[in-house]
Amino acid sequence: MLFYFSNNTDMRYGIDSLAAIIEKKYKVNLFVPNTLFLFCGRQSTKIKGLLWEGDGFLLLYKRVERGHFTWPRTSDELRQLCPEQFKWLMQGFAIDPIIYDAEPKYSA
């Protein structure tokens, strides 16, 4: 299953508005089975998902009562997540690594 996300989405939007964002803003085919599009609002406490099931759309919604989702805020671009990153996101973990590869200038 493929996962895509978009940030700063109005959480009042329903299926038609979210589908229009995918088609018009990102120019991505949303009628691909097993592709989940995720949307997050500014407060990062709510996530909506739009999934094409072949015969219609499934709209998913998750709201956390305490805390917030670790949602990237650096770009408005559509991004693909792997299933493992999706699981991390739903569990409250960061989907981007916080430890980066480094090339030391000096050895001991």
PDB file of N, CA and C in Angstrom:
ATOM      1  N   MET A   1       0.840  -1.175   0.000  1.00  0.00           N
ATOM      2  CA  MET A   1       0.000   0.000   0.000  1.00  0.00           C
ATOM      3  C   MET A   1       0.887   1.241   0.000  1.00  0.00           C
ATOM      4  N   LEU A   2       0.528   2.217  -0.799  1.00  0.00           N
ATOM      5  CA  LEU A   2       1.270   3.468  -0.843  1.00  0.00           C
ATOM      6  C   LEU A   2       0.554   4.508   0.002  1.00  0.00           C
ATOM      7  N   PHE A   3       1.324   5.349   0.644  1.00  0.00           N
ATOM      8  CA  PHE A   3       0.782   6.405   1.471  1.00  0.00           C
ATOM      9  C   PHE A   3       1.357   7.737   1.009  1.00  0.00           C
ATOM     10  N   TYR A   4       0.534   8.724   0.879  1.00  0.00           N
ATOM     11  CA  TYR A   4       0.981  10.065   0.539  1.00  0.00           C
ATOM     12  C   TYR A   4       0.426  11.020   1.577  1.00  0.00           C
ATOM     13  N   PHE A   5       1.138  12.103   1.826  1.00  0.00           N
ATOM     14  CA  PHE A   5       0.587  13.054   2.767  1.00  0.00           C
ATOM     15  C   PHE A   5       0.661  14.473   2.248  1.00  0.00           C
ATOM     16  N   SER A   6      -0.213  15.276   2.750  1.00  0.00           N
ATOM     17  CA  SER A   6      -0.267  16.698   2.448  1.00  0.00           C
ATOM     18  C   SER A   6      -0.508  17.424   3.762  1.00  0.00           C
ATOM     19  N   ASN A   7       0.146  18.584   3.953  1.00  0.00           N
ATOM     20  CA  ASN A   7      -0.035  19.285   5.215  1.00  0.00           C
ATOM     21  C   ASN A   7      -0.865  20.553   5.051  1.00  0.00           C
ATOM     22  N   ASN A   8      -1.241  21.118   6.182  1.00  0.00           N
ATOM     23  CA  ASN A   8      -2.036  22.349   6.255  1.00  0.00           C
ATOM     24  C   ASN A   8      -3.348  22.260   5.469  1.00  0.00           C
ATOM     25  N   THR A   9      -4.067  21.182   5.666  1.00  0.00           N
ATOM     26  CA  THR A   9      -5.350  20.988   5.004  1.00  0.00           C
ATOM     27  C   THR A   9      -6.481  21.377   5.953  1.00  0.00           C
ATOM     28  N   ASP A  10      -7.501  21.988   5.420  1.00  0.00           N
ATOM     29  CA  ASP A  10      -8.689  22.335   6.205  1.00  0.00           C
ATOM     30  C   ASP A  10      -9.404  21.032   6.571  1.00  0.00           C
ATOM     31  N   MET A  11      -9.476  20.722   7.839  1.00  0.00           N
ATOM     32  CA  MET A  11     -10.055  19.459   8.291  1.00  0.00           C
ATOM     33  C   MET A  11     -11.573  19.409   8.155  1.00  0.00           C
ATOM     34  N   ARG A  12     -12.199  20.491   7.719  1.00  0.00           N
ATOM     35  CA  ARG A  12     -13.644  20.466   7.451  1.00  0.00           C
ATOM     36  C   ARG A  12     -13.936  19.847   6.086  1.00  0.00           C
ATOM     37  N   TYR A  13     -12.898  19.679   5.246  1.00  0.00           N
ATOM     38  CA  TYR A  13     -13.095  19.137   3.903  1.00  0.00           C
ATOM     39  C   TYR A  13     -13.569  17.695   3.962  1.00  0.00           C
ATOM     40  N   GLY A  14     -14.428  17.345   3.016  1.00  0.00           N
ATOM     41  CA  GLY A  14     -14.915  15.983   2.871  1.00  0.00           C
ATOM     42  C   GLY A  14     -14.247  15.301   1.684  1.00  0.00           C
ATOM     43  N   ILE A  15     -14.838  14.209   1.249  1.00  0.00           N
ATOM     44  CA  ILE A  15     -14.260  13.396   0.179  1.00  0.00           C
ATOM     45  C   ILE A  15     -14.031  14.204  -1.100  1.00  0.00           C
ATOM     46  N   ASP A  16     -15.037  14.921  -1.558  1.00  0.00           N
ATOM     47  CA  ASP A  16     -14.913  15.635  -2.831  1.00  0.00           C
ATOM     48  C   ASP A  16     -13.828  16.705  -2.798  1.00  0.00           C
ATOM     49  N   SER A  17     -13.756  17.461  -1.715  1.00  0.00           N
ATOM     50  CA  SER A  17     -12.743  18.515  -1.607  1.00  0.00           C
ATOM     51  C   SER A  17     -11.336  17.932  -1.510  1.00  0.00           C
ATOM     52  N   LEU A  18     -11.182  16.864  -0.738  1.00  0.00           N
ATOM     53  CA  LEU A  18      -9.861  16.231  -0.622  1.00  0.00           C
ATOM     54  C   LEU A  18      -9.437  15.617  -1.959  1.00  0.00           C
ATOM     55  N   ALA A  19     -10.371  15.001  -2.662  1.00  0.00           N
ATOM     56  CA  ALA A  19     -10.065  14.440  -3.984  1.00  0.00           C
ATOM     57  C   ALA A  19      -9.657  15.540  -4.948  1.00  0.00           C
ATOM     58  N   ALA A  20     -10.305  16.693  -4.877  1.00  0.00           N
ATOM     59  CA  ALA A  20      -9.957  17.819  -5.750  1.00  0.00           C
ATOM     60  C   ALA A  20      -8.554  18.323  -5.467  1.00  0.00           C
ATOM     61  N   ILE A  21      -8.141  18.333  -4.200  1.00  0.00           N
ATOM     62  CA  ILE A  21      -6.771  18.738  -3.857  1.00  0.00           C
ATOM     63  C   ILE A  21      -5.769  17.809  -4.517  1.00  0.00           C
ATOM     64  N   ILE A  22      -6.035  16.526  -4.434  1.00  0.00           N
ATOM     65  CA  ILE A  22      -5.110  15.535  -5.011  1.00  0.00           C
ATOM     66  C   ILE A  22      -5.002  15.724  -6.520  1.00  0.00           C
ATOM     67  N   GLU A  23      -6.138  15.873  -7.190  1.00  0.00           N
ATOM     68  CA  GLU A  23      -6.138  15.988  -8.648  1.00  0.00           C
ATOM     69  C   GLU A  23      -5.611  17.334  -9.142  1.00  0.00           C
ATOM     70  N   LYS A  24      -6.041  18.420  -8.538  1.00  0.00           N
ATOM     71  CA  LYS A  24      -5.703  19.749  -9.065  1.00  0.00           C
ATOM     72  C   LYS A  24      -4.366  20.270  -8.572  1.00  0.00           C
ATOM     73  N   LYS A  25      -4.112  20.152  -7.266  1.00  0.00           N
ATOM     74  CA  LYS A  25      -2.879  20.703  -6.713  1.00  0.00           C
ATOM     75  C   LYS A  25      -1.676  19.815  -7.016  1.00  0.00           C
ATOM     76  N   TYR A  26      -1.863  18.501  -6.856  1.00  0.00           N
ATOM     77  CA  TYR A  26      -0.731  17.580  -7.000  1.00  0.00           C
ATOM     78  C   TYR A  26      -0.712  16.821  -8.327  1.00  0.00           C
ATOM     79  N   LYS A  27      -1.817  16.870  -9.067  1.00  0.00           N
ATOM     80  CA  LYS A  27      -1.911  16.204 -10.375  1.00  0.00           C
ATOM     81  C   LYS A  27      -1.538  14.716 -10.292  1.00  0.00           C
ATOM     82  N   VAL A  28      -2.122  14.054  -9.305  1.00  0.00           N
ATOM     83  CA  VAL A  28      -1.886  12.630  -9.077  1.00  0.00           C
ATOM     84  C   VAL A  28      -3.202  11.888  -9.294  1.00  0.00           C
ATOM     85  N   ASN A  29      -3.121  10.710  -9.933  1.00  0.00           N
ATOM     86  CA  ASN A  29      -4.307   9.876 -10.132  1.00  0.00           C
ATOM     87  C   ASN A  29      -4.730   9.299  -8.789  1.00  0.00           C
ATOM     88  N   LEU A  30      -5.924   9.633  -8.358  1.00  0.00           N
ATOM     89  CA  LEU A  30      -6.377   9.149  -7.057  1.00  0.00           C
ATOM     90  C   LEU A  30      -7.176   7.868  -7.145  1.00  0.00           C
ATOM     91  N   PHE A  31      -7.388   7.339  -8.353  1.00  0.00           N
ATOM     92  CA  PHE A  31      -8.151   6.109  -8.525  1.00  0.00           C
ATOM     93  C   PHE A  31      -7.237   4.886  -8.639  1.00  0.00           C
ATOM     94  N   VAL A  32      -6.229   4.837  -7.809  1.00  0.00           N
ATOM     95  CA  VAL A  32      -5.295   3.714  -7.762  1.00  0.00           C
ATOM     96  C   VAL A  32      -5.605   2.920  -6.494  1.00  0.00           C
ATOM     97  N   PRO A  33      -6.025   1.656  -6.651  1.00  0.00           N
ATOM     98  CA  PRO A  33      -6.346   0.862  -5.461  1.00  0.00           C
ATOM     99  C   PRO A  33      -5.165   0.772  -4.492  1.00  0.00           C
ATOM    100  N   ASN A  34      -5.483   0.694  -3.225  1.00  0.00           N
ATOM    101  CA  ASN A  34      -4.495   0.561  -2.148  1.00  0.00           C
ATOM    102  C   ASN A  34      -3.533   1.740  -2.056  1.00  0.00           C
ATOM    103  N   THR A  35      -4.011   2.919  -2.390  1.00  0.00           N
ATOM    104  CA  THR A  35      -3.229   4.134  -2.206  1.00  0.00           C
ATOM    105  C   THR A  35      -3.986   5.026  -1.242  1.00  0.00           C
ATOM    106  N   LEU A  36      -3.352   5.338  -0.135  1.00  0.00           N
ATOM    107  CA  LEU A  36      -3.967   6.142   0.909  1.00  0.00           C
ATOM    108  C   LEU A  36      -3.353   7.532   0.889  1.00  0.00           C
ATOM    109  N   PHE A  37      -4.197   8.535   0.774  1.00  0.00           N
ATOM    110  CA  PHE A  37      -3.759   9.928   0.822  1.00  0.00           C
ATOM    111  C   PHE A  37      -4.097  10.473   2.206  1.00  0.00           C
ATOM    112  N   LEU A  38      -3.102  11.032   2.877  1.00  0.00           N
ATOM    113  CA  LEU A  38      -3.273  11.541   4.232  1.00  0.00           C
ATOM    114  C   LEU A  38      -3.229  13.065   4.230  1.00  0.00           C
ATOM    115  N   PHE A  39      -4.055  13.658   5.062  1.00  0.00           N
ATOM    116  CA  PHE A  39      -4.134  15.108   5.182  1.00  0.00           C
ATOM    117  C   PHE A  39      -4.092  15.469   6.658  1.00  0.00           C
ATOM    118  N   CYS A  40      -3.379  16.534   6.978  1.00  0.00           N
ATOM    119  CA  CYS A  40      -3.254  16.971   8.356  1.00  0.00           C
ATOM    120  C   CYS A  40      -3.522  18.468   8.445  1.00  0.00           C
ATOM    121  N   GLY A  41      -4.177  18.886   9.512  1.00  0.00           N
ATOM    122  CA  GLY A  41      -4.446  20.301   9.736  1.00  0.00           C
ATOM    123  C   GLY A  41      -3.266  21.001  10.382  1.00  0.00           C
ATOM    124  N   ARG A  42      -3.425  22.279  10.641  1.00  0.00           N
ATOM    125  CA  ARG A  42      -2.345  23.099  11.203  1.00  0.00           C
ATOM    126  C   ARG A  42      -1.957  22.678  12.618  1.00  0.00           C
ATOM    127  N   GLN A  43      -2.899  22.216  13.409  1.00  0.00           N
ATOM    128  CA  GLN A  43      -2.606  21.870  14.801  1.00  0.00           C
ATOM    129  C   GLN A  43      -1.996  20.487  14.960  1.00  0.00           C
ATOM    130  N   SER A  44      -2.004  19.688  13.923  1.00  0.00           N
ATOM    131  CA  SER A  44      -1.423  18.335  13.924  1.00  0.00           C
ATOM    132  C   SER A  44      -2.056  17.398  14.942  1.00  0.00           C
ATOM    133  N   THR A  45      -3.327  17.623  15.266  1.00  0.00           N
ATOM    134  CA  THR A  45      -4.025  16.715  16.183  1.00  0.00           C
ATOM    135  C   THR A  45      -5.027  15.836  15.448  1.00  0.00           C
ATOM    136  N   LYS A  46      -5.235  16.124  14.166  1.00  0.00           N
ATOM    137  CA  LYS A  46      -6.217  15.371  13.369  1.00  0.00           C
ATOM    138  C   LYS A  46      -5.607  14.987  12.029  1.00  0.00           C
ATOM    139  N   ILE A  47      -5.958  13.788  11.591  1.00  0.00           N
ATOM    140  CA  ILE A  47      -5.524  13.304  10.278  1.00  0.00           C
ATOM    141  C   ILE A  47      -6.752  12.734   9.571  1.00  0.00           C
ATOM    142  N   LYS A  48      -6.881  13.054   8.297  1.00  0.00           N
ATOM    143  CA  LYS A  48      -7.905  12.435   7.452  1.00  0.00           C
ATOM    144  C   LYS A  48      -7.188  11.646   6.375  1.00  0.00           C
ATOM    145  N   GLY A  49      -7.780  10.525   6.013  1.00  0.00           N
ATOM    146  CA  GLY A  49      -7.230   9.691   4.959  1.00  0.00           C
ATOM    147  C   GLY A  49      -8.286   9.424   3.903  1.00  0.00           C
ATOM    148  N   LEU A  50      -7.861   9.397   2.656  1.00  0.00           N
ATOM    149  CA  LEU A  50      -8.763   9.123   1.538  1.00  0.00           C
ATOM    150  C   LEU A  50      -8.210   7.925   0.781  1.00  0.00           C
ATOM    151  N   LEU A  51      -9.021   6.889   0.671  1.00  0.00           N
ATOM    152  CA  LEU A  51      -8.598   5.636   0.052  1.00  0.00           C
ATOM    153  C   LEU A  51      -9.610   5.224  -1.000  1.00  0.00           C
ATOM    154  N   TRP A  52      -9.140   4.974  -2.217  1.00  0.00           N
ATOM    155  CA  TRP A  52      -9.998   4.462  -3.291  1.00  0.00           C
ATOM    156  C   TRP A  52     -10.050   2.950  -3.160  1.00  0.00           C
ATOM    157  N   GLU A  53     -11.268   2.390  -3.052  1.00  0.00           N
ATOM    158  CA  GLU A  53     -11.421   0.943  -2.876  1.00  0.00           C
ATOM    159  C   GLU A  53     -11.894   0.231  -4.137  1.00  0.00           C
ATOM    160  N   GLY A  54     -11.904   0.925  -5.261  1.00  0.00           N
ATOM    161  CA  GLY A  54     -12.316   0.306  -6.510  1.00  0.00           C
ATOM    162  C   GLY A  54     -13.771   0.570  -6.843  1.00  0.00           C
ATOM    163  N   ASP A  55     -14.606   0.705  -5.822  1.00  0.00           N
ATOM    164  CA  ASP A  55     -16.026   0.985  -6.056  1.00  0.00           C
ATOM    165  C   ASP A  55     -16.472   2.283  -5.376  1.00  0.00           C
ATOM    166  N   GLY A  56     -15.551   2.936  -4.719  1.00  0.00           N
ATOM    167  CA  GLY A  56     -15.853   4.186  -4.028  1.00  0.00           C
ATOM    168  C   GLY A  56     -14.732   4.552  -3.078  1.00  0.00           C
ATOM    169  N   PHE A  57     -14.872   5.719  -2.463  1.00  0.00           N
ATOM    170  CA  PHE A  57     -13.857   6.200  -1.540  1.00  0.00           C
ATOM    171  C   PHE A  57     -14.195   5.846  -0.102  1.00  0.00           C
ATOM    172  N   LEU A  58     -13.160   5.608   0.667  1.00  0.00           N
ATOM    173  CA  LEU A  58     -13.263   5.422   2.097  1.00  0.00           C
ATOM    174  C   LEU A  58     -12.579   6.625   2.735  1.00  0.00           C
ATOM    175  N   LEU A  59     -13.299   7.323   3.627  1.00  0.00           N
ATOM    176  CA  LEU A  59     -12.747   8.478   4.328  1.00  0.00           C
ATOM    177  C   LEU A  59     -12.432   8.058   5.755  1.00  0.00           C
ATOM    178  N   LEU A  60     -11.172   8.194   6.134  1.00  0.00           N
ATOM    179  CA  LEU A  60     -10.716   7.815   7.471  1.00  0.00           C
ATOM    180  C   LEU A  60     -10.414   9.080   8.263  1.00  0.00           C
ATOM    181  N   TYR A  61     -10.568   9.020   9.574  1.00  0.00           N
ATOM    182  CA  TYR A  61     -10.338  10.192  10.414  1.00  0.00           C
ATOM    183  C   TYR A  61      -9.771   9.735  11.742  1.00  0.00           C
ATOM    184  N   LYS A  62      -8.689  10.382  12.170  1.00  0.00           N
ATOM    185  CA  LYS A  62      -8.114  10.078  13.484  1.00  0.00           C
ATOM    186  C   LYS A  62      -7.807  11.387  14.182  1.00  0.00           C
ATOM    187  N   ARG A  63      -8.231  11.471  15.451  1.00  0.00           N
ATOM    188  CA  ARG A  63      -7.949  12.632  16.282  1.00  0.00           C
ATOM    189  C   ARG A  63      -7.309  12.136  17.570  1.00  0.00           C
ATOM    190  N   VAL A  64      -6.196  12.740  17.944  1.00  0.00           N
ATOM    191  CA  VAL A  64      -5.566  12.375  19.212  1.00  0.00           C
ATOM    192  C   VAL A  64      -6.053  13.330  20.291  1.00  0.00           C
ATOM    193  N   GLU A  65      -6.293  12.807  21.463  1.00  0.00           N
ATOM    194  CA  GLU A  65      -6.805  13.610  22.572  1.00  0.00           C
ATOM    195  C   GLU A  65      -5.705  14.380  23.284  1.00  0.00           C
ATOM    196  N   ARG A  66      -4.536  13.801  23.374  1.00  0.00           N
ATOM    197  CA  ARG A  66      -3.396  14.464  23.992  1.00  0.00           C
ATOM    198  C   ARG A  66      -2.211  14.360  23.060  1.00  0.00           C
ATOM    199  N   GLY A  67      -1.453  15.421  22.946  1.00  0.00           N
ATOM    200  CA  GLY A  67      -0.293  15.423  22.074  1.00  0.00           C
ATOM    201  C   GLY A  67      -0.673  15.787  20.650  1.00  0.00           C
ATOM    202  N   HIS A  68       0.209  15.459  19.726  1.00  0.00           N
ATOM    203  CA  HIS A  68      -0.021  15.756  18.313  1.00  0.00           C
ATOM    204  C   HIS A  68       0.811  14.810  17.457  1.00  0.00           C
ATOM    205  N   PHE A  69       0.464  14.748  16.188  1.00  0.00           N
ATOM    206  CA  PHE A  69       1.227  13.935  15.242  1.00  0.00           C
ATOM    207  C   PHE A  69       2.509  14.669  14.882  1.00  0.00           C
ATOM    208  N   THR A  70       3.577  13.916  14.711  1.00  0.00           N
ATOM    209  CA  THR A  70       4.835  14.496  14.271  1.00  0.00           C
ATOM    210  C   THR A  70       4.773  14.577  12.755  1.00  0.00           C
ATOM    211  N   TRP A  71       4.286  15.698  12.293  1.00  0.00           N
ATOM    212  CA  TRP A  71       3.983  15.898  10.885  1.00  0.00           C
ATOM    213  C   TRP A  71       4.967  16.891  10.290  1.00  0.00           C
ATOM    214  N   PRO A  72       5.623  16.561   9.175  1.00  0.00           N
ATOM    215  CA  PRO A  72       6.583  17.503   8.575  1.00  0.00           C
ATOM    216  C   PRO A  72       5.920  18.829   8.204  1.00  0.00           C
ATOM    217  N   ARG A  73       6.566  19.935   8.510  1.00  0.00           N
ATOM    218  CA  ARG A  73       6.027  21.258   8.224  1.00  0.00           C
ATOM    219  C   ARG A  73       6.873  22.053   7.241  1.00  0.00           C
ATOM    220  N   THR A  74       7.887  21.434   6.679  1.00  0.00           N
ATOM    221  CA  THR A  74       8.825  22.175   5.852  1.00  0.00           C
ATOM    222  C   THR A  74       8.400  22.322   4.402  1.00  0.00           C
ATOM    223  N   SER A  75       7.419  21.554   3.956  1.00  0.00           N
ATOM    224  CA  SER A  75       7.072  21.573   2.538  1.00  0.00           C
ATOM    225  C   SER A  75       5.590  21.308   2.352  1.00  0.00           C
ATOM    226  N   ASP A  76       5.026  21.902   1.312  1.00  0.00           N
ATOM    227  CA  ASP A  76       3.632  21.625   0.960  1.00  0.00           C
ATOM    228  C   ASP A  76       3.545  20.563  -0.127  1.00  0.00           C
ATOM    229  N   GLU A  77       4.652  19.957  -0.456  1.00  0.00           N
ATOM    230  CA  GLU A  77       4.688  18.978  -1.534  1.00  0.00           C
ATOM    231  C   GLU A  77       4.155  17.622  -1.070  1.00  0.00           C
ATOM    232  N   LEU A  78       3.573  16.928  -1.995  1.00  0.00           N
ATOM    233  CA  LEU A  78       3.109  15.571  -1.748  1.00  0.00           C
ATOM    234  C   LEU A  78       4.317  14.680  -1.505  1.00  0.00           C
ATOM    235  N   ARG A  79       4.192  13.742  -0.618  1.00  0.00           N
ATOM    236  CA  ARG A  79       5.322  12.885  -0.268  1.00  0.00           C
ATOM    237  C   ARG A  79       4.837  11.462  -0.069  1.00  0.00           C
ATOM    238  N   GLN A  80       5.656  10.524  -0.441  1.00  0.00           N
ATOM    239  CA  GLN A  80       5.300   9.118  -0.302  1.00  0.00           C
ATOM    240  C   GLN A  80       5.896   8.568   0.988  1.00  0.00           C
ATOM    241  N   LEU A  81       5.101   7.782   1.699  1.00  0.00           N
ATOM    242  CA  LEU A  81       5.559   7.122   2.914  1.00  0.00           C
ATOM    243  C   LEU A  81       5.550   5.616   2.701  1.00  0.00           C
ATOM    244  N   CYS A  82       6.447   4.934   3.367  1.00  0.00           N
ATOM    245  CA  CYS A  82       6.420   3.474   3.339  1.00  0.00           C
ATOM    246  C   CYS A  82       5.487   3.014   4.468  1.00  0.00           C
ATOM    247  N   PRO A  83       5.036   1.767   4.430  1.00  0.00           N
ATOM    248  CA  PRO A  83       4.138   1.277   5.482  1.00  0.00           C
ATOM    249  C   PRO A  83       4.719   1.431   6.891  1.00  0.00           C
ATOM    250  N   GLU A  84       6.015   1.271   7.027  1.00  0.00           N
ATOM    251  CA  GLU A  84       6.645   1.414   8.338  1.00  0.00           C
ATOM    252  C   GLU A  84       6.534   2.857   8.848  1.00  0.00           C
ATOM    253  N   GLN A  85       6.749   3.833   7.958  1.00  0.00           N
ATOM    254  CA  GLN A  85       6.614   5.231   8.347  1.00  0.00           C
ATOM    255  C   GLN A  85       5.170   5.560   8.727  1.00  0.00           C
ATOM    256  N   PHE A  86       4.205   4.991   8.024  1.00  0.00           N
ATOM    257  CA  PHE A  86       2.791   5.191   8.359  1.00  0.00           C
ATOM    258  C   PHE A  86       2.503   4.666   9.767  1.00  0.00           C
ATOM    259  N   LYS A  87       3.024   3.492  10.074  1.00  0.00           N
ATOM    260  CA  LYS A  87       2.830   2.909  11.401  1.00  0.00           C
ATOM    261  C   LYS A  87       3.439   3.814  12.475  1.00  0.00           C
ATOM    262  N   TRP A  88       4.640   4.321  12.208  1.00  0.00           N
ATOM    263  CA  TRP A  88       5.283   5.234  13.158  1.00  0.00           C
ATOM    264  C   TRP A  88       4.414   6.472  13.385  1.00  0.00           C
ATOM    265  N   LEU A  89       3.893   7.032  12.300  1.00  0.00           N
ATOM    266  CA  LEU A  89       3.059   8.230  12.382  1.00  0.00           C
ATOM    267  C   LEU A  89       1.836   7.985  13.253  1.00  0.00           C
ATOM    268  N   MET A  90       1.153   6.867  13.050  1.00  0.00           N
ATOM    269  CA  MET A  90      -0.052   6.555  13.813  1.00  0.00           C
ATOM    270  C   MET A  90       0.247   6.271  15.287  1.00  0.00           C
ATOM    271  N   GLN A  91       1.496   5.901  15.578  1.00  0.00           N
ATOM    272  CA  GLN A  91       1.895   5.625  16.965  1.00  0.00           C
ATOM    273  C   GLN A  91       2.495   6.856  17.654  1.00  0.00           C
ATOM    274  N   GLY A  92       2.603   7.967  16.921  1.00  0.00           N
ATOM    275  CA  GLY A  92       3.110   9.191  17.519  1.00  0.00           C
ATOM    276  C   GLY A  92       4.598   9.423  17.358  1.00  0.00           C
ATOM    277  N   PHE A  93       5.251   8.630  16.539  1.00  0.00           N
ATOM    278  CA  PHE A  93       6.680   8.805  16.315  1.00  0.00           C
ATOM    279  C   PHE A  93       6.938   9.664  15.077  1.00  0.00           C
ATOM    280  N   ALA A  94       8.154  10.161  14.954  1.00  0.00           N
ATOM    281  CA  ALA A  94       8.547  10.943  13.786  1.00  0.00           C
ATOM    282  C   ALA A  94       8.709  10.016  12.580  1.00  0.00           C
ATOM    283  N   ILE A  95       8.352  10.509  11.401  1.00  0.00           N
ATOM    284  CA  ILE A  95       8.512   9.698  10.193  1.00  0.00           C
ATOM    285  C   ILE A  95       9.823  10.004   9.494  1.00  0.00           C
ATOM    286  N   ASP A  96      10.479  11.084   9.893  1.00  0.00           N
ATOM    287  CA  ASP A  96      11.789  11.423   9.346  1.00  0.00           C
ATOM    288  C   ASP A  96      12.852  11.065  10.368  1.00  0.00           C
ATOM    289  N   PRO A  97      14.004  10.581   9.887  1.00  0.00           N
ATOM    290  CA  PRO A  97      15.065  10.260  10.839  1.00  0.00           C
ATOM    291  C   PRO A  97      15.581  11.532  11.500  1.00  0.00           C
ATOM    292  N   ILE A  98      15.923  11.420  12.770  1.00  0.00           N
ATOM    293  CA  ILE A  98      16.496  12.568  13.456  1.00  0.00           C
ATOM    294  C   ILE A  98      18.003  12.392  13.660  1.00  0.00           C
ATOM    295  N   ILE A  99      18.498  11.227  13.301  1.00  0.00           N
ATOM    296  CA  ILE A  99      19.940  10.973  13.308  1.00  0.00           C
ATOM    297  C   ILE A  99      20.365  10.865  11.853  1.00  0.00           C
ATOM    298  N   TYR A 100      21.351  11.654  11.478  1.00  0.00           N
ATOM    299  CA  TYR A 100      21.787  11.719  10.090  1.00  0.00           C
ATOM    300  C   TYR A 100      23.183  11.149   9.931  1.00  0.00           C
ATOM    301  N   ASP A 101      23.471  10.657   8.727  1.00  0.00           N
ATOM    302  CA  ASP A 101      24.809  10.176   8.421  1.00  0.00           C
ATOM    303  C   ASP A 101      25.772  11.357   8.478  1.00  0.00           C
ATOM    304  N   ALA A 102      26.955  11.091   8.983  1.00  0.00           N
ATOM    305  CA  ALA A 102      27.959  12.155   9.090  1.00  0.00           C
ATOM    306  C   ALA A 102      29.280  11.640   8.536  1.00  0.00           C
ATOM    307  N   GLU A 103      30.065  12.550   8.014  1.00  0.00           N
ATOM    308  CA  GLU A 103      31.396  12.228   7.546  1.00  0.00           C
ATOM    309  C   GLU A 103      32.384  13.017   8.393  1.00  0.00           C
ATOM    310  N   PRO A 104      33.029  12.328   9.353  1.00  0.00           N
ATOM    311  CA  PRO A 104      33.954  13.021  10.248  1.00  0.00           C
ATOM    312  C   PRO A 104      35.125  13.646   9.470  1.00  0.00           C
ATOM    313  N   LYS A 105      35.584  14.785   9.938  1.00  0.00           N
ATOM    314  CA  LYS A 105      36.727  15.453   9.302  1.00  0.00           C
ATOM    315  C   LYS A 105      38.050  14.872   9.790  1.00  0.00           C
ATOM    316  N   TYR A 106      38.021  14.387  11.013  1.00  0.00           N
ATOM    317  CA  TYR A 106      39.262  13.864  11.619  1.00  0.00           C
ATOM    318  C   TYR A 106      39.008  12.507  12.247  1.00  0.00           C
ATOM    319  N   SER A 107      40.020  11.682  12.253  1.00  0.00           N
ATOM    320  CA  SER A 107      39.923  10.395  12.943  1.00  0.00           C
ATOM    321  C   SER A 107      40.679  10.514  14.267  1.00  0.00           C
ATOM    322  N   ALA A 108      40.479   9.563  15.133  1.00  0.00           N
ATOM    323  CA  ALA A 108      41.103   9.623  16.454  1.00  0.00           C
ATOM    324  C   ALA A 108      42.545   9.434  16.405  1.00  0.00           C
TER     325      ALA A 108
END
